Amino acid sequence: MKASVESKAAERAKYEELHKNPRLSDPKDHYFNKLGEFALFKLSYYQCYKCKNPYFGGMVDCGDA
């Protein structure tokens, strides 16, 4: 399940242009060259109660509001 979510999150991150975030290109940053991990940090994914597949639920920052 985690691999599936990370793969979907990495694709969504490209769509949301998160791959351009400077944290991914800073060798001192924890997320340096880790798009999948950074995507999981920034994007919310949930498991559908019917089909049990993960789906994108929005940006994490939006959920905090």
C-alpha atoms as a PDB file:
ATOM      1  CA  MET A   1       0.000   0.000   0.000  1.00  0.00           C
ATOM      2  CA  LYS A   2       2.785   2.450   0.918  1.00  0.00           C
ATOM      3  CA  ALA A   3       4.563   1.892  -2.410  1.00  0.00           C
ATOM      4  CA  SER A   4       1.315   2.519  -4.289  1.00  0.00           C
ATOM      5  CA  VAL A   5       0.621   5.732  -2.386  1.00  0.00           C
ATOM      6  CA  GLU A   6       4.192   6.968  -2.790  1.00  0.00           C
ATOM      7  CA  SER A   7       4.053   6.313  -6.536  1.00  0.00           C
ATOM      8  CA  LYS A   8       0.719   8.143  -6.875  1.00  0.00           C
ATOM      9  CA  ALA A   9       2.003  10.972  -4.680  1.00  0.00           C
ATOM     10  CA  ALA A  10       5.135  11.421  -6.795  1.00  0.00           C
ATOM     11  CA  GLU A  11       2.998  11.706  -9.942  1.00  0.00           C
ATOM     12  CA  ARG A  12       0.637  14.166  -8.251  1.00  0.00           C
ATOM     13  CA  ALA A  13       3.619  16.170  -6.993  1.00  0.00           C
ATOM     14  CA  LYS A  14       4.715  16.710 -10.588  1.00  0.00           C
ATOM     15  CA  TYR A  15       1.201  17.857 -11.495  1.00  0.00           C
ATOM     16  CA  GLU A  16       1.196  20.260  -8.526  1.00  0.00           C
ATOM     17  CA  GLU A  17       4.748  21.352  -9.511  1.00  0.00           C
ATOM     18  CA  LEU A  18       6.174  20.295  -6.169  1.00  0.00           C
ATOM     19  CA  HIS A  19       9.147  18.816  -8.044  1.00  0.00           C
ATOM     20  CA  LYS A  20      10.358  22.416  -8.481  1.00  0.00           C
ATOM     21  CA  ASN A  21      10.525  23.005  -4.717  1.00  0.00           C
ATOM     22  CA  PRO A  22      14.033  24.178  -3.696  1.00  0.00           C
ATOM     23  CA  ARG A  23      14.101  21.702  -0.797  1.00  0.00           C
ATOM     24  CA  LEU A  24      14.509  18.858  -3.312  1.00  0.00           C
ATOM     25  CA  SER A  25      17.685  20.365  -4.763  1.00  0.00           C
ATOM     26  CA  ASP A  26      19.333  21.436  -1.492  1.00  0.00           C
ATOM     27  CA  PRO A  27      21.912  18.806  -0.432  1.00  0.00           C
ATOM     28  CA  LYS A  28      21.554  19.950   3.204  1.00  0.00           C
ATOM     29  CA  ASP A  29      17.788  19.326   3.267  1.00  0.00           C
ATOM     30  CA  HIS A  30      16.235  16.059   4.456  1.00  0.00           C
ATOM     31  CA  TYR A  31      14.164  15.820   1.224  1.00  0.00           C
ATOM     32  CA  PHE A  32      17.136  16.247  -1.152  1.00  0.00           C
ATOM     33  CA  ASN A  33      16.352  14.125  -4.255  1.00  0.00           C
ATOM     34  CA  LYS A  34      13.420  12.412  -2.454  1.00  0.00           C
ATOM     35  CA  LEU A  35      10.373  13.476  -4.450  1.00  0.00           C
ATOM     36  CA  GLY A  36       8.227  10.560  -3.258  1.00  0.00           C
ATOM     37  CA  GLU A  37       8.941  11.216   0.401  1.00  0.00           C
ATOM     38  CA  PHE A  38       8.444  14.964  -0.014  1.00  0.00           C
ATOM     39  CA  ALA A  39       5.152  14.318  -1.813  1.00  0.00           C
ATOM     40  CA  LEU A  40       3.908  12.236   1.130  1.00  0.00           C
ATOM     41  CA  PHE A  41       4.857  15.119   3.422  1.00  0.00           C
ATOM     42  CA  LYS A  42       2.919  17.694   1.359  1.00  0.00           C
ATOM     43  CA  LEU A  43      -0.049  15.694  -0.034  1.00  0.00           C
ATOM     44  CA  SER A  44      -2.889  13.932   1.767  1.00  0.00           C
ATOM     45  CA  TYR A  45      -3.922  10.450   0.672  1.00  0.00           C
ATOM     46  CA  TYR A  46      -6.782   8.422   2.070  1.00  0.00           C
ATOM     47  CA  GLN A  47      -8.067   4.901   1.609  1.00  0.00           C
ATOM     48  CA  CYS A  48     -11.484   4.547  -0.005  1.00  0.00           C
ATOM     49  CA  TYR A  49     -13.841   2.677   2.303  1.00  0.00           C
ATOM     50  CA  LYS A  50     -15.500   0.896  -0.649  1.00  0.00           C
ATOM     51  CA  CYS A  51     -12.679  -0.197  -2.944  1.00  0.00           C
ATOM     52  CA  LYS A  52      -9.797   0.177  -0.435  1.00  0.00           C
ATOM     53  CA  ASN A  53      -7.670   2.031  -3.033  1.00  0.00           C
ATOM     54  CA  PRO A  54      -5.796   5.206  -2.058  1.00  0.00           C
ATOM     55  CA  TYR A  55      -6.950   8.550  -3.434  1.00  0.00           C
ATOM     56  CA  PHE A  56      -5.639  12.111  -3.347  1.00  0.00           C
ATOM     57  CA  GLY A  57      -7.480  14.198  -0.770  1.00  0.00           C
ATOM     58  CA  GLY A  58      -5.743  17.552  -1.175  1.00  0.00           C
ATOM     59  CA  MET A  59      -2.727  19.378   0.138  1.00  0.00           C
ATOM     60  CA  VAL A  60      -1.791  18.818   3.787  1.00  0.00           C
ATOM     61  CA  ASP A  61      -1.642  22.583   4.327  1.00  0.00           C
ATOM     62  CA  CYS A  62      -5.294  22.925   3.274  1.00  0.00           C
ATOM     63  CA  GLY A  63      -6.372  20.365   5.860  1.00  0.00           C
ATOM     64  CA  ASP A  64      -4.775  22.391   8.654  1.00  0.00           C
ATOM     65  CA  ALA A  65      -7.068  25.348   7.976  1.00  0.00           C
END
